[in-house]
Amino acid sequence: MDNVYSQLTSSLNDVESCLKELALWSDTEPPADALASIQPFAVDTLEFVEWLQFIFLPRLHFMIGARETLPENCGIAPMAETCFGGSFLDVDELIAVLAVIDSLLSESV
């Protein structure tokens, strides 16, 4: 399991790097009520990249640091493909990293 935690940490750092390279990283955190959404991917209150940055990345980093049980199933890459469909941004690397995270979480069970 330690290997999965290590690989996930590396992949999470890669997601952050991709978001910064694509100029999708924000220095401004959304309001607390937007972060408290209970909808999948907080689709009712956040853009997908905001969810990645302010909910997904911190939550997984916390879970890894606390050695908590990881989610058993993950489908973030398909959501990214949907959200970025038709975008002018070159998101192939970001989607590839998210697919690695999906695979690692599915295999960690």
PDB file of N, CA and C in Angstrom:
ATOM      1  N   MET A   1       0.822  -1.194   0.000  1.00  0.00           N
ATOM      2  CA  MET A   1       0.000   0.000   0.000  1.00  0.00           C
ATOM      3  C   MET A   1       0.868   1.260   0.000  1.00  0.00           C
ATOM      4  N   ASP A   2       2.042   1.208   0.653  1.00  0.00           N
ATOM      5  CA  ASP A   2       2.927   2.370   0.664  1.00  0.00           C
ATOM      6  C   ASP A   2       3.321   2.781  -0.747  1.00  0.00           C
ATOM      7  N   ASN A   3       3.489   1.797  -1.632  1.00  0.00           N
ATOM      8  CA  ASN A   3       3.843   2.093  -3.017  1.00  0.00           C
ATOM      9  C   ASN A   3       2.708   2.859  -3.702  1.00  0.00           C
ATOM     10  N   VAL A   4       1.474   2.473  -3.435  1.00  0.00           N
ATOM     11  CA  VAL A   4       0.324   3.168  -4.014  1.00  0.00           C
ATOM     12  C   VAL A   4       0.283   4.601  -3.499  1.00  0.00           C
ATOM     13  N   TYR A   5       0.508   4.802  -2.200  1.00  0.00           N
ATOM     14  CA  TYR A   5       0.519   6.150  -1.637  1.00  0.00           C
ATOM     15  C   TYR A   5       1.591   7.005  -2.322  1.00  0.00           C
ATOM     16  N   SER A   6       2.754   6.426  -2.518  1.00  0.00           N
ATOM     17  CA  SER A   6       3.860   7.144  -3.156  1.00  0.00           C
ATOM     18  C   SER A   6       3.534   7.497  -4.610  1.00  0.00           C
ATOM     19  N   GLN A   7       2.997   6.550  -5.341  1.00  0.00           N
ATOM     20  CA  GLN A   7       2.639   6.789  -6.736  1.00  0.00           C
ATOM     21  C   GLN A   7       1.518   7.828  -6.836  1.00  0.00           C
ATOM     22  N   LEU A   8       0.556   7.741  -5.942  1.00  0.00           N
ATOM     23  CA  LEU A   8      -0.535   8.719  -5.932  1.00  0.00           C
ATOM     24  C   LEU A   8      -0.020  10.123  -5.632  1.00  0.00           C
ATOM     25  N   THR A   9       0.864  10.244  -4.665  1.00  0.00           N
ATOM     26  CA  THR A   9       1.432  11.547  -4.320  1.00  0.00           C
ATOM     27  C   THR A   9       2.122  12.153  -5.532  1.00  0.00           C
ATOM     28  N   SER A  10       2.898  11.357  -6.221  1.00  0.00           N
ATOM     29  CA  SER A  10       3.579  11.827  -7.423  1.00  0.00           C
ATOM     30  C   SER A  10       2.576  12.268  -8.486  1.00  0.00           C
ATOM     31  N   SER A  11       1.533  11.477  -8.677  1.00  0.00           N
ATOM     32  CA  SER A  11       0.520  11.819  -9.675  1.00  0.00           C
ATOM     33  C   SER A  11      -0.257  13.072  -9.287  1.00  0.00           C
ATOM     34  N   LEU A  12      -0.559  13.231  -8.014  1.00  0.00           N
ATOM     35  CA  LEU A  12      -1.253  14.436  -7.555  1.00  0.00           C
ATOM     36  C   LEU A  12      -0.393  15.677  -7.805  1.00  0.00           C
ATOM     37  N   ASN A  13       0.908  15.543  -7.563  1.00  0.00           N
ATOM     38  CA  ASN A  13       1.824  16.651  -7.843  1.00  0.00           C
ATOM     39  C   ASN A  13       1.862  16.956  -9.344  1.00  0.00           C
ATOM     40  N   ASP A  14       1.771  15.905 -10.162  1.00  0.00           N
ATOM     41  CA  ASP A  14       1.721  16.095 -11.614  1.00  0.00           C
ATOM     42  C   ASP A  14       0.454  16.833 -12.037  1.00  0.00           C
ATOM     43  N   VAL A  15      -0.675  16.518 -11.403  1.00  0.00           N
ATOM     44  CA  VAL A  15      -1.922  17.233 -11.701  1.00  0.00           C
ATOM     45  C   VAL A  15      -1.738  18.717 -11.404  1.00  0.00           C
ATOM     46  N   GLU A  16      -1.170  19.024 -10.255  1.00  0.00           N
ATOM     47  CA  GLU A  16      -0.932  20.423  -9.897  1.00  0.00           C
ATOM     48  C   GLU A  16      -0.049  21.103 -10.939  1.00  0.00           C
ATOM     49  N   SER A  17       1.010  20.434 -11.342  1.00  0.00           N
ATOM     50  CA  SER A  17       1.906  21.004 -12.356  1.00  0.00           C
ATOM     51  C   SER A  17       1.175  21.254 -13.673  1.00  0.00           C
ATOM     52  N   CYS A  18       0.358  20.293 -14.083  1.00  0.00           N
ATOM     53  CA  CYS A  18      -0.409  20.451 -15.324  1.00  0.00           C
ATOM     54  C   CYS A  18      -1.351  21.638 -15.242  1.00  0.00           C
ATOM     55  N   LEU A  19      -2.054  21.757 -14.126  1.00  0.00           N
ATOM     56  CA  LEU A  19      -2.990  22.874 -13.959  1.00  0.00           C
ATOM     57  C   LEU A  19      -2.252  24.211 -14.025  1.00  0.00           C
ATOM     58  N   LYS A  20      -1.083  24.267 -13.430  1.00  0.00           N
ATOM     59  CA  LYS A  20      -0.298  25.506 -13.466  1.00  0.00           C
ATOM     60  C   LYS A  20       0.198  25.791 -14.877  1.00  0.00           C
ATOM     61  N   GLU A  21       0.686  24.770 -15.572  1.00  0.00           N
ATOM     62  CA  GLU A  21       1.162  24.962 -16.946  1.00  0.00           C
ATOM     63  C   GLU A  21       0.045  25.415 -17.874  1.00  0.00           C
ATOM     64  N   LEU A  22      -1.168  24.958 -17.617  1.00  0.00           N
ATOM     65  CA  LEU A  22      -2.319  25.335 -18.433  1.00  0.00           C
ATOM     66  C   LEU A  22      -2.951  26.652 -17.979  1.00  0.00           C
ATOM     67  N   ALA A  23      -2.354  27.285 -16.974  1.00  0.00           N
ATOM     68  CA  ALA A  23      -2.869  28.532 -16.389  1.00  0.00           C
ATOM     69  C   ALA A  23      -4.283  28.341 -15.835  1.00  0.00           C
ATOM     70  N   LEU A  24      -4.523  27.160 -15.259  1.00  0.00           N
ATOM     71  CA  LEU A  24      -5.818  26.860 -14.652  1.00  0.00           C
ATOM     72  C   LEU A  24      -5.746  26.847 -13.122  1.00  0.00           C
ATOM     73  N   TRP A  25      -4.570  27.107 -12.576  1.00  0.00           N
ATOM     74  CA  TRP A  25      -4.373  27.133 -11.131  1.00  0.00           C
ATOM     75  C   TRP A  25      -4.803  28.489 -10.603  1.00  0.00           C
ATOM     76  N   SER A  26      -5.522  28.501  -9.503  1.00  0.00           N
ATOM     77  CA  SER A  26      -6.011  29.757  -8.942  1.00  0.00           C
ATOM     78  C   SER A  26      -5.393  30.005  -7.567  1.00  0.00           C
ATOM     79  N   ASP A  27      -5.102  31.255  -7.301  1.00  0.00           N
ATOM     80  CA  ASP A  27      -4.614  31.645  -5.977  1.00  0.00           C
ATOM     81  C   ASP A  27      -5.759  32.024  -5.053  1.00  0.00           C
ATOM     82  N   THR A  28      -6.963  32.058  -5.598  1.00  0.00           N
ATOM     83  CA  THR A  28      -8.133  32.468  -4.822  1.00  0.00           C
ATOM     84  C   THR A  28      -9.046  31.271  -4.586  1.00  0.00           C
ATOM     85  N   GLU A  29      -9.209  30.924  -3.320  1.00  0.00           N
ATOM     86  CA  GLU A  29     -10.088  29.807  -2.965  1.00  0.00           C
ATOM     87  C   GLU A  29     -11.549  30.217  -3.082  1.00  0.00           C
ATOM     88  N   PRO A  30     -12.381  29.319  -3.611  1.00  0.00           N
ATOM     89  CA  PRO A  30     -13.817  29.621  -3.683  1.00  0.00           C
ATOM     90  C   PRO A  30     -14.405  29.778  -2.272  1.00  0.00           C
ATOM     91  N   PRO A  31     -15.583  30.392  -2.172  1.00  0.00           N
ATOM     92  CA  PRO A  31     -16.230  30.545  -0.862  1.00  0.00           C
ATOM     93  C   PRO A  31     -16.493  29.188  -0.203  1.00  0.00           C
ATOM     94  N   ALA A  32     -16.542  29.188   1.109  1.00  0.00           N
ATOM     95  CA  ALA A  32     -16.738  27.951   1.878  1.00  0.00           C
ATOM     96  C   ALA A  32     -18.008  27.219   1.474  1.00  0.00           C
ATOM     97  N   ASP A  33     -19.079  27.942   1.194  1.00  0.00           N
ATOM     98  CA  ASP A  33     -20.323  27.268   0.827  1.00  0.00           C
ATOM     99  C   ASP A  33     -20.186  26.552  -0.519  1.00  0.00           C
ATOM    100  N   ALA A  34     -19.370  27.061  -1.419  1.00  0.00           N
ATOM    101  CA  ALA A  34     -19.136  26.383  -2.701  1.00  0.00           C
ATOM    102  C   ALA A  34     -18.357  25.097  -2.495  1.00  0.00           C
ATOM    103  N   LEU A  35     -17.435  25.116  -1.536  1.00  0.00           N
ATOM    104  CA  LEU A  35     -16.630  23.928  -1.241  1.00  0.00           C
ATOM    105  C   LEU A  35     -17.419  22.873  -0.482  1.00  0.00           C
ATOM    106  N   ALA A  36     -18.532  23.251   0.101  1.00  0.00           N
ATOM    107  CA  ALA A  36     -19.336  22.331   0.909  1.00  0.00           C
ATOM    108  C   ALA A  36     -20.370  21.559   0.090  1.00  0.00           C
ATOM    109  N   SER A  37     -20.344  21.701  -1.211  1.00  0.00           N
ATOM    110  CA  SER A  37     -21.311  21.003  -2.061  1.00  0.00           C
ATOM    111  C   SER A  37     -21.264  19.499  -1.825  1.00  0.00           C
ATOM    112  N   ILE A  38     -22.418  18.865  -1.916  1.00  0.00           N
ATOM    113  CA  ILE A  38     -22.473  17.402  -1.774  1.00  0.00           C
ATOM    114  C   ILE A  38     -22.697  16.720  -3.121  1.00  0.00           C
ATOM    115  N   GLN A  39     -22.763  17.502  -4.181  1.00  0.00           N
ATOM    116  CA  GLN A  39     -22.935  16.954  -5.524  1.00  0.00           C
ATOM    117  C   GLN A  39     -21.613  16.357  -6.014  1.00  0.00           C
ATOM    118  N   PRO A  40     -21.668  15.305  -6.831  1.00  0.00           N
ATOM    119  CA  PRO A  40     -20.428  14.773  -7.410  1.00  0.00           C
ATOM    120  C   PRO A  40     -19.670  15.883  -8.140  1.00  0.00           C
ATOM    121  N   PHE A  41     -18.377  15.943  -7.894  1.00  0.00           N
ATOM    122  CA  PHE A  41     -17.497  16.944  -8.499  1.00  0.00           C
ATOM    123  C   PHE A  41     -17.936  18.376  -8.188  1.00  0.00           C
ATOM    124  N   ALA A  42     -18.814  18.546  -7.214  1.00  0.00           N
ATOM    125  CA  ALA A  42     -19.350  19.856  -6.834  1.00  0.00           C
ATOM    126  C   ALA A  42     -19.841  20.619  -8.065  1.00  0.00           C
ATOM    127  N   VAL A  43     -20.498  19.894  -8.963  1.00  0.00           N
ATOM    128  CA  VAL A  43     -20.922  20.481 -10.238  1.00  0.00           C
ATOM    129  C   VAL A  43     -21.898  21.645 -10.065  1.00  0.00           C
ATOM    130  N   ASP A  44     -22.539  21.701  -8.916  1.00  0.00           N
ATOM    131  CA  ASP A  44     -23.495  22.782  -8.695  1.00  0.00           C
ATOM    132  C   ASP A  44     -22.854  24.076  -8.220  1.00  0.00           C
ATOM    133  N   THR A  45     -21.601  24.010  -7.778  1.00  0.00           N
ATOM    134  CA  THR A  45     -20.987  25.213  -7.210  1.00  0.00           C
ATOM    135  C   THR A  45     -19.596  25.540  -7.758  1.00  0.00           C
ATOM    136  N   LEU A  46     -18.917  24.567  -8.358  1.00  0.00           N
ATOM    137  CA  LEU A  46     -17.536  24.778  -8.799  1.00  0.00           C
ATOM    138  C   LEU A  46     -17.335  24.356 -10.248  1.00  0.00           C
ATOM    139  N   GLU A  47     -16.357  24.965 -10.873  1.00  0.00           N
ATOM    140  CA  GLU A  47     -15.873  24.469 -12.158  1.00  0.00           C
ATOM    141  C   GLU A  47     -15.042  23.223 -11.865  1.00  0.00           C
ATOM    142  N   PHE A  48     -14.885  22.354 -12.854  1.00  0.00           N
ATOM    143  CA  PHE A  48     -14.142  21.105 -12.647  1.00  0.00           C
ATOM    144  C   PHE A  48     -12.723  21.359 -12.131  1.00  0.00           C
ATOM    145  N   VAL A  49     -12.028  22.343 -12.707  1.00  0.00           N
ATOM    146  CA  VAL A  49     -10.651  22.605 -12.261  1.00  0.00           C
ATOM    147  C   VAL A  49     -10.613  23.127 -10.835  1.00  0.00           C
ATOM    148  N   GLU A  50     -11.652  23.854 -10.424  1.00  0.00           N
ATOM    149  CA  GLU A  50     -11.725  24.300  -9.024  1.00  0.00           C
ATOM    150  C   GLU A  50     -11.911  23.097  -8.112  1.00  0.00           C
ATOM    151  N   TRP A  51     -12.757  22.163  -8.514  1.00  0.00           N
ATOM    152  CA  TRP A  51     -12.967  20.949  -7.728  1.00  0.00           C
ATOM    153  C   TRP A  51     -11.660  20.183  -7.601  1.00  0.00           C
ATOM    154  N   LEU A  52     -10.926  20.047  -8.718  1.00  0.00           N
ATOM    155  CA  LEU A  52      -9.633  19.358  -8.662  1.00  0.00           C
ATOM    156  C   LEU A  52      -8.699  20.027  -7.657  1.00  0.00           C
ATOM    157  N   GLN A  53      -8.562  21.336  -7.780  1.00  0.00           N
ATOM    158  CA  GLN A  53      -7.596  22.061  -6.960  1.00  0.00           C
ATOM    159  C   GLN A  53      -7.994  22.173  -5.499  1.00  0.00           C
ATOM    160  N   PHE A  54      -9.244  22.463  -5.247  1.00  0.00           N
ATOM    161  CA  PHE A  54      -9.628  22.810  -3.884  1.00  0.00           C
ATOM    162  C   PHE A  54     -10.329  21.701  -3.098  1.00  0.00           C
ATOM    163  N   ILE A  55     -10.737  20.644  -3.773  1.00  0.00           N
ATOM    164  CA  ILE A  55     -11.370  19.526  -3.065  1.00  0.00           C
ATOM    165  C   ILE A  55     -10.592  18.230  -3.277  1.00  0.00           C
ATOM    166  N   PHE A  56     -10.430  17.834  -4.526  1.00  0.00           N
ATOM    167  CA  PHE A  56      -9.822  16.541  -4.821  1.00  0.00           C
ATOM    168  C   PHE A  56      -8.367  16.443  -4.354  1.00  0.00           C
ATOM    169  N   LEU A  57      -7.520  17.368  -4.792  1.00  0.00           N
ATOM    170  CA  LEU A  57      -6.101  17.294  -4.421  1.00  0.00           C
ATOM    171  C   LEU A  57      -5.890  17.350  -2.903  1.00  0.00           C
ATOM    172  N   PRO A  58      -6.486  18.337  -2.195  1.00  0.00           N
ATOM    173  CA  PRO A  58      -6.271  18.369  -0.741  1.00  0.00           C
ATOM    174  C   PRO A  58      -6.806  17.125  -0.029  1.00  0.00           C
ATOM    175  N   ARG A  59      -7.966  16.640  -0.469  1.00  0.00           N
ATOM    176  CA  ARG A  59      -8.557  15.468   0.197  1.00  0.00           C
ATOM    177  C   ARG A  59      -7.668  14.243   0.039  1.00  0.00           C
ATOM    178  N   LEU A  60      -7.191  13.994  -1.175  1.00  0.00           N
ATOM    179  CA  LEU A  60      -6.326  12.822  -1.370  1.00  0.00           C
ATOM    180  C   LEU A  60      -4.990  12.989  -0.668  1.00  0.00           C
ATOM    181  N   HIS A  61      -4.420  14.190  -0.688  1.00  0.00           N
ATOM    182  CA  HIS A  61      -3.172  14.410   0.055  1.00  0.00           C
ATOM    183  C   HIS A  61      -3.398  14.129   1.545  1.00  0.00           C
ATOM    184  N   PHE A  62      -4.527  14.571   2.082  1.00  0.00           N
ATOM    185  CA  PHE A  62      -4.850  14.302   3.493  1.00  0.00           C
ATOM    186  C   PHE A  62      -4.968  12.799   3.740  1.00  0.00           C
ATOM    187  N   MET A  63      -5.699  12.103   2.876  1.00  0.00           N
ATOM    188  CA  MET A  63      -5.900  10.664   3.046  1.00  0.00           C
ATOM    189  C   MET A  63      -4.572   9.909   2.992  1.00  0.00           C
ATOM    190  N   ILE A  64      -3.701  10.327   2.091  1.00  0.00           N
ATOM    191  CA  ILE A  64      -2.388   9.681   1.982  1.00  0.00           C
ATOM    192  C   ILE A  64      -1.577   9.949   3.244  1.00  0.00           C
ATOM    193  N   GLY A  65      -1.549  11.204   3.688  1.00  0.00           N
ATOM    194  CA  GLY A  65      -0.791  11.561   4.885  1.00  0.00           C
ATOM    195  C   GLY A  65      -1.280  10.851   6.130  1.00  0.00           C
ATOM    196  N   ALA A  66      -2.582  10.641   6.216  1.00  0.00           N
ATOM    197  CA  ALA A  66      -3.174   9.968   7.369  1.00  0.00           C
ATOM    198  C   ALA A  66      -3.219   8.450   7.189  1.00  0.00           C
ATOM    199  N   ARG A  67      -2.774   7.989   6.030  1.00  0.00           N
ATOM    200  CA  ARG A  67      -2.801   6.559   5.692  1.00  0.00           C
ATOM    201  C   ARG A  67      -4.221   5.997   5.799  1.00  0.00           C
ATOM    202  N   GLU A  68      -5.187   6.833   5.383  1.00  0.00           N
ATOM    203  CA  GLU A  68      -6.585   6.397   5.374  1.00  0.00           C
ATOM    204  C   GLU A  68      -6.834   5.442   4.210  1.00  0.00           C
ATOM    205  N   THR A  69      -7.912   4.714   4.305  1.00  0.00           N
ATOM    206  CA  THR A  69      -8.335   3.862   3.213  1.00  0.00           C
ATOM    207  C   THR A  69      -8.708   4.751   2.033  1.00  0.00           C
ATOM    208  N   LEU A  70      -8.191   4.407   0.884  1.00  0.00           N
ATOM    209  CA  LEU A  70      -8.421   5.214  -0.311  1.00  0.00           C
ATOM    210  C   LEU A  70      -9.733   4.831  -0.978  1.00  0.00           C
ATOM    211  N   PRO A  71     -10.292   5.731  -1.780  1.00  0.00           N
ATOM    212  CA  PRO A  71     -11.505   5.385  -2.526  1.00  0.00           C
ATOM    213  C   PRO A  71     -11.250   4.149  -3.389  1.00  0.00           C
ATOM    214  N   GLU A  72     -12.269   3.339  -3.545  1.00  0.00           N
ATOM    215  CA  GLU A  72     -12.108   2.087  -4.279  1.00  0.00           C
ATOM    216  C   GLU A  72     -12.331   2.233  -5.767  1.00  0.00           C
ATOM    217  N   ASN A  73     -12.980   3.271  -6.163  1.00  0.00           N
ATOM    218  CA  ASN A  73     -13.302   3.447  -7.562  1.00  0.00           C
ATOM    219  C   ASN A  73     -13.186   4.921  -7.890  1.00  0.00           C
ATOM    220  N   CYS A  74     -12.619   5.209  -9.022  1.00  0.00           N
ATOM    221  CA  CYS A  74     -12.407   6.600  -9.379  1.00  0.00           C
ATOM    222  C   CYS A  74     -12.600   6.751 -10.880  1.00  0.00           C
ATOM    223  N   GLY A  75     -13.284   7.789 -11.292  1.00  0.00           N
ATOM    224  CA  GLY A  75     -13.523   8.035 -12.705  1.00  0.00           C
ATOM    225  C   GLY A  75     -13.343   9.498 -13.049  1.00  0.00           C
ATOM    226  N   ILE A  76     -12.176  10.030 -12.721  1.00  0.00           N
ATOM    227  CA  ILE A  76     -11.935  11.443 -12.934  1.00  0.00           C
ATOM    228  C   ILE A  76     -11.531  11.745 -14.373  1.00  0.00           C
ATOM    229  N   ALA A  77     -10.767  10.865 -15.002  1.00  0.00           N
ATOM    230  CA  ALA A  77     -10.335  11.126 -16.385  1.00  0.00           C
ATOM    231  C   ALA A  77     -11.526  11.292 -17.331  1.00  0.00           C
ATOM    232  N   PRO A  78     -12.550  10.418 -17.267  1.00  0.00           N
ATOM    233  CA  PRO A  78     -13.701  10.640 -18.151  1.00  0.00           C
ATOM    234  C   PRO A  78     -14.416  11.969 -17.877  1.00  0.00           C
ATOM    235  N   MET A  79     -14.480  12.368 -16.618  1.00  0.00           N
ATOM    236  CA  MET A  79     -15.101  13.658 -16.293  1.00  0.00           C
ATOM    237  C   MET A  79     -14.280  14.794 -16.903  1.00  0.00           C
ATOM    238  N   ALA A  80     -12.960  14.686 -16.823  1.00  0.00           N
ATOM    239  CA  ALA A  80     -12.089  15.707 -17.409  1.00  0.00           C
ATOM    240  C   ALA A  80     -12.283  15.774 -18.921  1.00  0.00           C
ATOM    241  N   GLU A  81     -12.389  14.619 -19.557  1.00  0.00           N
ATOM    242  CA  GLU A  81     -12.610  14.592 -21.004  1.00  0.00           C
ATOM    243  C   GLU A  81     -13.914  15.297 -21.354  1.00  0.00           C
ATOM    244  N   THR A  82     -14.941  15.073 -20.559  1.00  0.00           N
ATOM    245  CA  THR A  82     -16.228  15.725 -20.788  1.00  0.00           C
ATOM    246  C   THR A  82     -16.113  17.236 -20.573  1.00  0.00           C
ATOM    247  N   CYS A  83     -15.493  17.635 -19.487  1.00  0.00           N
ATOM    248  CA  CYS A  83     -15.385  19.056 -19.151  1.00  0.00           C
ATOM    249  C   CYS A  83     -14.531  19.836 -20.142  1.00  0.00           C
ATOM    250  N   PHE A  84     -13.494  19.200 -20.658  1.00  0.00           N
ATOM    251  CA  PHE A  84     -12.594  19.899 -21.563  1.00  0.00           C
ATOM    252  C   PHE A  84     -12.912  19.640 -23.031  1.00  0.00           C
ATOM    253  N   GLY A  85     -13.949  18.856 -23.299  1.00  0.00           N
ATOM    254  CA  GLY A  85     -14.324  18.574 -24.683  1.00  0.00           C
ATOM    255  C   GLY A  85     -14.553  19.861 -25.452  1.00  0.00           C
ATOM    256  N   GLY A  86     -13.899  19.982 -26.583  1.00  0.00           N
ATOM    257  CA  GLY A  86     -14.032  21.185 -27.399  1.00  0.00           C
ATOM    258  C   GLY A  86     -13.185  22.355 -26.932  1.00  0.00           C
ATOM    259  N   SER A  87     -12.396  22.151 -25.891  1.00  0.00           N
ATOM    260  CA  SER A  87     -11.546  23.213 -25.368  1.00  0.00           C
ATOM    261  C   SER A  87     -10.345  23.432 -26.290  1.00  0.00           C
ATOM    262  N   PHE A  88      -9.854  24.634 -26.303  1.00  0.00           N
ATOM    263  CA  PHE A  88      -8.656  24.946 -27.073  1.00  0.00           C
ATOM    264  C   PHE A  88      -7.384  24.575 -26.307  1.00  0.00           C
ATOM    265  N   LEU A  89      -7.520  24.208 -25.058  1.00  0.00           N
ATOM    266  CA  LEU A  89      -6.363  23.855 -24.232  1.00  0.00           C
ATOM    267  C   LEU A  89      -5.854  22.463 -24.572  1.00  0.00           C
ATOM    268  N   ASP A  90      -4.545  22.282 -24.481  1.00  0.00           N
ATOM    269  CA  ASP A  90      -3.936  20.977 -24.693  1.00  0.00           C
ATOM    270  C   ASP A  90      -3.916  20.241 -23.346  1.00  0.00           C
ATOM    271  N   VAL A  91      -4.995  19.508 -23.090  1.00  0.00           N
ATOM    272  CA  VAL A  91      -5.181  18.860 -21.789  1.00  0.00           C
ATOM    273  C   VAL A  91      -4.836  17.370 -21.814  1.00  0.00           C
ATOM    274  N   ASP A  92      -4.205  16.907 -22.882  1.00  0.00           N
ATOM    275  CA  ASP A  92      -3.902  15.482 -23.002  1.00  0.00           C
ATOM    276  C   ASP A  92      -3.069  14.966 -21.828  1.00  0.00           C
ATOM    277  N   GLU A  93      -2.040  15.727 -21.426  1.00  0.00           N
ATOM    278  CA  GLU A  93      -1.191  15.290 -20.317  1.00  0.00           C
ATOM    279  C   GLU A  93      -1.978  15.256 -19.008  1.00  0.00           C
ATOM    280  N   LEU A  94      -2.791  16.255 -18.769  1.00  0.00           N
ATOM    281  CA  LEU A  94      -3.615  16.292 -17.558  1.00  0.00           C
ATOM    282  C   LEU A  94      -4.546  15.083 -17.519  1.00  0.00           C
ATOM    283  N   ILE A  95      -5.207  14.798 -18.613  1.00  0.00           N
ATOM    284  CA  ILE A  95      -6.128  13.667 -18.657  1.00  0.00           C
ATOM    285  C   ILE A  95      -5.378  12.354 -18.482  1.00  0.00           C
ATOM    286  N   ALA A  96      -4.186  12.252 -19.032  1.00  0.00           N
ATOM    287  CA  ALA A  96      -3.378  11.042 -18.861  1.00  0.00           C
ATOM    288  C   ALA A  96      -3.005  10.832 -17.388  1.00  0.00           C
ATOM    289  N   VAL A  97      -2.644  11.900 -16.704  1.00  0.00           N
ATOM    290  CA  VAL A  97      -2.301  11.792 -15.272  1.00  0.00           C
ATOM    291  C   VAL A  97      -3.534  11.411 -14.466  1.00  0.00           C
ATOM    292  N   LEU A  98      -4.674  11.986 -14.800  1.00  0.00           N
ATOM    293  CA  LEU A  98      -5.909  11.631 -14.097  1.00  0.00           C
ATOM    294  C   LEU A  98      -6.275  10.165 -14.341  1.00  0.00           C
ATOM    295  N   ALA A  99      -5.993   9.658 -15.534  1.00  0.00           N
ATOM    296  CA  ALA A  99      -6.242   8.243 -15.833  1.00  0.00           C
ATOM    297  C   ALA A  99      -5.338   7.353 -14.982  1.00  0.00           C
ATOM    298  N   VAL A 100      -4.111   7.792 -14.743  1.00  0.00           N
ATOM    299  CA  VAL A 100      -3.198   7.040 -13.872  1.00  0.00           C
ATOM    300  C   VAL A 100      -3.771   7.000 -12.449  1.00  0.00           C
ATOM    301  N   ILE A 101      -4.280   8.118 -11.982  1.00  0.00           N
ATOM    302  CA  ILE A 101      -4.886   8.177 -10.640  1.00  0.00           C
ATOM    303  C   ILE A 101      -6.096   7.245 -10.581  1.00  0.00           C
ATOM    304  N   ASP A 102      -6.943   7.287 -11.602  1.00  0.00           N
ATOM    305  CA  ASP A 102      -8.091   6.369 -11.659  1.00  0.00           C
ATOM    306  C   ASP A 102      -7.627   4.926 -11.533  1.00  0.00           C
ATOM    307  N   SER A 103      -6.589   4.592 -12.268  1.00  0.00           N
ATOM    308  CA  SER A 103      -6.081   3.212 -12.268  1.00  0.00           C
ATOM    309  C   SER A 103      -5.490   2.845 -10.914  1.00  0.00           C
ATOM    310  N   LEU A 104      -4.706   3.725 -10.337  1.00  0.00           N
ATOM    311  CA  LEU A 104      -4.092   3.447  -9.030  1.00  0.00           C
ATOM    312  C   LEU A 104      -5.157   3.233  -7.957  1.00  0.00           C
ATOM    313  N   LEU A 105      -6.190   4.043  -7.958  1.00  0.00           N
ATOM    314  CA  LEU A 105      -7.226   3.907  -6.949  1.00  0.00           C
ATOM    315  C   LEU A 105      -8.038   2.629  -7.175  1.00  0.00           C
ATOM    316  N   SER A 106      -8.283   2.280  -8.404  1.00  0.00           N
ATOM    317  CA  SER A 106      -9.028   1.060  -8.695  1.00  0.00           C
ATOM    318  C   SER A 106      -8.230  -0.185  -8.347  1.00  0.00           C
ATOM    319  N   GLU A 107      -6.907  -0.095  -8.462  1.00  0.00           N
ATOM    320  CA  GLU A 107      -6.045  -1.246  -8.165  1.00  0.00           C
ATOM    321  C   GLU A 107      -5.692  -1.346  -6.686  1.00  0.00           C
ATOM    322  N   SER A 108      -5.911  -0.264  -5.918  1.00  0.00           N
ATOM    323  CA  SER A 108      -5.497  -0.260  -4.511  1.00  0.00           C
ATOM    324  C   SER A 108      -6.426  -1.053  -3.604  1.00  0.00           C
ATOM    325  N   VAL A 109      -7.516  -1.531  -4.161  1.00  0.00           N
ATOM    326  CA  VAL A 109      -8.521  -2.241  -3.363  1.00  0.00           C
ATOM    327  C   VAL A 109      -7.990  -3.583  -2.924  1.00  0.00           C
TER     328      VAL A 109
END
